[in-house]
Amino acid sequence: MAITSSAKKAYRQSLRRKVFNDARKDALRAALKAARSAKQGDTAALAAAYKAIDKAQKRGIIKKNTAARRKAKVARMLA
């Protein structure tokens, strides 16, 4: 367990960030699952998946190349 006050604060911050990161990961998974079950040419599902991927990448949940790869995969599925 953290001893110094700054370490305790950093621990609290990490717990707070984990909640947001977990929510963002869940949103990403849900959007990708919806895209997989969507029909060809469904632009709403494509836009939702792109939005979730971009937000996850912006927050640092996934890396830039991972985001690009997933967007390309979704585009191939729904194009």
C-alpha atoms as a PDB file:
ATOM      1  CA  MET A   1       0.000   0.000   0.000  1.00  0.00           C
ATOM      2  CA  ALA A   2       1.095   3.558  -0.626  1.00  0.00           C
ATOM      3  CA  ILE A   3       2.923   5.265   2.209  1.00  0.00           C
ATOM      4  CA  THR A   4       3.510   8.879   1.195  1.00  0.00           C
ATOM      5  CA  SER A   5       0.625  11.251   0.677  1.00  0.00           C
ATOM      6  CA  SER A   6       1.550  11.788  -2.968  1.00  0.00           C
ATOM      7  CA  ALA A   7       1.529   8.034  -3.566  1.00  0.00           C
ATOM      8  CA  LYS A   8      -1.881   7.793  -1.901  1.00  0.00           C
ATOM      9  CA  LYS A   9      -3.190  10.556  -4.161  1.00  0.00           C
ATOM     10  CA  ALA A  10      -1.736   8.856  -7.247  1.00  0.00           C
ATOM     11  CA  TYR A  11      -3.466   5.641  -6.194  1.00  0.00           C
ATOM     12  CA  ARG A  12      -6.812   7.428  -5.842  1.00  0.00           C
ATOM     13  CA  GLN A  13      -6.322   9.015  -9.259  1.00  0.00           C
ATOM     14  CA  SER A  14      -5.534   5.658 -10.835  1.00  0.00           C
ATOM     15  CA  LEU A  15      -8.733   4.167  -9.395  1.00  0.00           C
ATOM     16  CA  ARG A  16     -10.769   7.097 -10.740  1.00  0.00           C
ATOM     17  CA  ARG A  17      -9.172   6.793 -14.185  1.00  0.00           C
ATOM     18  CA  LYS A  18      -9.752   3.037 -14.206  1.00  0.00           C
ATOM     19  CA  VAL A  19     -13.508   3.597 -13.943  1.00  0.00           C
ATOM     20  CA  PHE A  20     -13.489   5.860 -17.015  1.00  0.00           C
ATOM     21  CA  ASN A  21     -11.141   3.572 -18.943  1.00  0.00           C
ATOM     22  CA  ASP A  22     -13.272   0.509 -18.207  1.00  0.00           C
ATOM     23  CA  ALA A  23     -16.387   2.351 -19.384  1.00  0.00           C
ATOM     24  CA  ARG A  24     -14.634   3.397 -22.588  1.00  0.00           C
ATOM     25  CA  LYS A  25     -13.450  -0.193 -23.201  1.00  0.00           C
ATOM     26  CA  ASP A  26     -16.984  -1.503 -22.690  1.00  0.00           C
ATOM     27  CA  ALA A  27     -18.357   1.088 -25.136  1.00  0.00           C
ATOM     28  CA  LEU A  28     -15.714   0.079 -27.671  1.00  0.00           C
ATOM     29  CA  ARG A  29     -16.537  -3.612 -27.330  1.00  0.00           C
ATOM     30  CA  ALA A  30     -20.266  -2.939 -27.627  1.00  0.00           C
ATOM     31  CA  ALA A  31     -19.815  -0.792 -30.740  1.00  0.00           C
ATOM     32  CA  LEU A  32     -17.629  -3.413 -32.421  1.00  0.00           C
ATOM     33  CA  LYS A  33     -20.103  -6.161 -31.528  1.00  0.00           C
ATOM     34  CA  ALA A  34     -22.939  -4.088 -33.006  1.00  0.00           C
ATOM     35  CA  ALA A  35     -20.876  -3.516 -36.151  1.00  0.00           C
ATOM     36  CA  ARG A  36     -20.239  -7.243 -36.519  1.00  0.00           C
ATOM     37  CA  SER A  37     -23.958  -7.994 -36.357  1.00  0.00           C
ATOM     38  CA  ALA A  38     -24.921  -5.075 -38.634  1.00  0.00           C
ATOM     39  CA  LYS A  39     -25.834  -5.521 -42.276  1.00  0.00           C
ATOM     40  CA  GLN A  40     -23.702  -4.459 -45.230  1.00  0.00           C
ATOM     41  CA  GLY A  41     -23.822  -0.724 -45.879  1.00  0.00           C
ATOM     42  CA  ASP A  42     -25.121   0.188 -42.412  1.00  0.00           C
ATOM     43  CA  THR A  43     -23.605   3.654 -42.073  1.00  0.00           C
ATOM     44  CA  ALA A  44     -24.983   4.228 -38.565  1.00  0.00           C
ATOM     45  CA  ALA A  45     -23.156   1.192 -37.197  1.00  0.00           C
ATOM     46  CA  LEU A  46     -20.000   2.221 -39.046  1.00  0.00           C
ATOM     47  CA  ALA A  47     -20.157   5.742 -37.617  1.00  0.00           C
ATOM     48  CA  ALA A  48     -20.766   4.444 -34.092  1.00  0.00           C
ATOM     49  CA  ALA A  49     -17.833   2.054 -34.346  1.00  0.00           C
ATOM     50  CA  TYR A  50     -15.554   4.799 -35.691  1.00  0.00           C
ATOM     51  CA  LYS A  51     -16.620   7.118 -32.878  1.00  0.00           C
ATOM     52  CA  ALA A  52     -15.942   4.501 -30.186  1.00  0.00           C
ATOM     53  CA  ILE A  53     -12.568   3.605 -31.710  1.00  0.00           C
ATOM     54  CA  ASP A  54     -11.519   7.250 -32.003  1.00  0.00           C
ATOM     55  CA  LYS A  55     -12.526   8.040 -28.425  1.00  0.00           C
ATOM     56  CA  ALA A  56     -10.672   5.004 -27.097  1.00  0.00           C
ATOM     57  CA  GLN A  57      -7.577   6.020 -29.057  1.00  0.00           C
ATOM     58  CA  LYS A  58      -7.815   9.612 -27.878  1.00  0.00           C
ATOM     59  CA  ARG A  59      -7.981   8.528 -24.235  1.00  0.00           C
ATOM     60  CA  GLY A  60      -5.035   6.149 -24.652  1.00  0.00           C
ATOM     61  CA  ILE A  61      -7.055   2.958 -24.245  1.00  0.00           C
ATOM     62  CA  ILE A  62      -5.772   1.629 -27.567  1.00  0.00           C
ATOM     63  CA  LYS A  63      -2.790   2.715 -29.650  1.00  0.00           C
ATOM     64  CA  LYS A  64      -2.946   4.630 -32.907  1.00  0.00           C
ATOM     65  CA  ASN A  65      -2.120   1.699 -35.174  1.00  0.00           C
ATOM     66  CA  THR A  66      -4.566  -0.551 -33.340  1.00  0.00           C
ATOM     67  CA  ALA A  67      -7.284   2.044 -33.883  1.00  0.00           C
ATOM     68  CA  ALA A  68      -6.435   2.298 -37.588  1.00  0.00           C
ATOM     69  CA  ARG A  69      -6.437  -1.482 -37.959  1.00  0.00           C
ATOM     70  CA  ARG A  70      -9.808  -1.849 -36.247  1.00  0.00           C
ATOM     71  CA  LYS A  71     -11.346   0.947 -38.319  1.00  0.00           C
ATOM     72  CA  ALA A  72     -10.118  -0.717 -41.505  1.00  0.00           C
ATOM     73  CA  LYS A  73     -11.531  -4.067 -40.382  1.00  0.00           C
ATOM     74  CA  VAL A  74     -14.935  -2.521 -39.589  1.00  0.00           C
ATOM     75  CA  ALA A  75     -14.928  -0.709 -42.934  1.00  0.00           C
ATOM     76  CA  ARG A  76     -14.236  -3.995 -44.761  1.00  0.00           C
ATOM     77  CA  MET A  77     -17.062  -5.721 -42.879  1.00  0.00           C
ATOM     78  CA  LEU A  78     -19.655  -3.046 -43.595  1.00  0.00           C
ATOM     79  CA  ALA A  79     -18.570  -1.813 -47.030  1.00  0.00           C
END
